[in-house]
Amino acid sequence: MSEHSKADHDYQTTVATVISVARRAKTIFENSSEPASKRAFLNYLLQNPTLDGKKLGFTLASPFNLVLELSDSPNWLRWVEDVRTGV
């Protein structure tokens, strides 16, 4: 049973980290002064980025894509609040 509790805790920690990074992505990017750091951060968040003139196309990398897909779900938002507050 303790393995299940640890796995559940690890999962909640991972989800909380993903949500935290997703919430702060703009700030993290803007506060980075090194182009290499910005590039590494974008590589972490995006997959298959393309540039068509001045238009950037991309797909969010997993698991960040799930945050976007589930952002409108009331059940997801309730669960996120539980994880955030440690309920």
Protein backbone atom coordinates (compact mmCIF):
# COMPACT_ATOMS: atom_id res chain seq x y z
CA MET A 1 0.00 0.00 0.00
CA SER A 2 2.85 2.41 0.72
CA GLU A 3 4.00 2.09 -2.91
CA HIS A 4 0.60 3.34 -4.05
CA SER A 5 0.75 6.26 -1.62
CA LYS A 6 4.23 7.19 -2.83
CA ALA A 7 3.13 6.92 -6.48
CA ASP A 8 0.10 9.11 -5.75
CA HIS A 9 2.28 11.66 -3.98
CA ASP A 10 4.82 11.65 -6.84
CA TYR A 11 2.01 12.10 -9.37
CA GLN A 12 0.55 15.04 -7.45
CA THR A 13 4.01 16.60 -7.14
CA THR A 14 4.55 16.24 -10.90
CA VAL A 15 1.16 17.75 -11.70
CA ALA A 16 1.76 20.64 -9.31
CA THR A 17 5.16 21.29 -10.93
CA VAL A 18 3.69 21.24 -14.44
CA ILE A 19 0.94 23.65 -13.42
CA SER A 20 3.43 25.94 -11.71
CA VAL A 21 5.69 26.05 -14.77
CA ALA A 22 2.71 26.58 -17.08
CA ARG A 23 1.46 29.48 -14.96
CA ARG A 24 4.87 31.15 -14.83
CA ALA A 25 6.10 30.37 -18.37
CA LYS A 26 5.88 33.96 -19.58
CA THR A 27 7.71 35.33 -16.53
CA ILE A 28 10.37 32.62 -16.68
CA PHE A 29 10.98 33.36 -20.36
CA GLU A 30 11.02 37.14 -19.97
CA ASN A 31 13.37 37.04 -16.96
CA SER A 32 15.94 34.91 -18.75
CA SER A 33 18.63 37.12 -20.27
CA GLU A 34 20.57 34.43 -22.13
CA PRO A 35 19.32 33.43 -25.60
CA ALA A 36 20.53 29.86 -24.98
CA SER A 37 18.42 29.67 -21.81
CA LYS A 38 15.36 30.96 -23.64
CA ARG A 39 15.93 28.43 -26.42
CA ALA A 40 16.27 25.60 -23.90
CA PHE A 41 13.08 26.67 -22.13
CA LEU A 42 11.16 26.82 -25.41
CA ASN A 43 12.50 23.38 -26.37
CA TYR A 44 11.17 22.11 -23.04
CA LEU A 45 7.68 23.54 -23.65
CA LEU A 46 7.23 23.22 -27.40
CA GLN A 47 7.53 20.51 -29.98
CA ASN A 48 7.78 20.97 -33.73
CA PRO A 49 7.97 24.79 -33.74
CA THR A 50 7.75 26.36 -37.19
CA LEU A 51 8.17 29.90 -38.43
CA ASP A 52 6.08 31.12 -41.38
CA GLY A 53 7.21 34.67 -42.00
CA LYS A 54 6.54 36.33 -38.65
CA LYS A 55 4.04 33.72 -37.49
CA LEU A 56 5.17 31.06 -35.03
CA GLY A 57 3.44 27.70 -35.12
CA PHE A 58 3.91 25.06 -32.44
CA THR A 59 2.46 22.19 -30.49
CA LEU A 60 2.82 22.18 -26.73
CA ALA A 61 4.96 19.34 -25.45
CA SER A 62 3.47 16.79 -23.12
CA PRO A 63 2.36 17.21 -20.35
CA PHE A 64 1.84 20.95 -20.94
CA ASN A 65 -0.61 20.19 -23.74
CA LEU A 66 -2.87 18.49 -21.18
CA VAL A 67 -2.99 21.62 -19.04
CA LEU A 68 -4.30 23.57 -22.03
CA GLU A 69 -6.74 20.86 -23.12
CA LEU A 70 -8.19 20.44 -19.64
CA SER A 71 -8.17 24.10 -18.62
CA ASP A 72 -11.92 24.51 -19.23
CA SER A 73 -12.97 21.39 -17.32
CA PRO A 74 -14.65 22.22 -13.98
CA ASN A 75 -13.53 18.85 -12.55
CA TRP A 76 -9.93 19.53 -13.56
CA LEU A 77 -9.98 22.97 -11.97
CA ARG A 78 -11.36 21.56 -8.72
CA TRP A 79 -8.63 18.88 -8.68
CA VAL A 80 -5.92 21.44 -9.41
CA GLU A 81 -7.12 23.53 -6.47
CA ASP A 82 -6.97 20.44 -4.23
CA VAL A 83 -3.40 19.70 -5.34
CA ARG A 84 -2.37 23.33 -4.94
CA THR A 85 -3.75 23.62 -1.42
CA GLY A 86 -2.72 20.13 -0.31
CA VAL A 87 -6.28 18.97 0.44
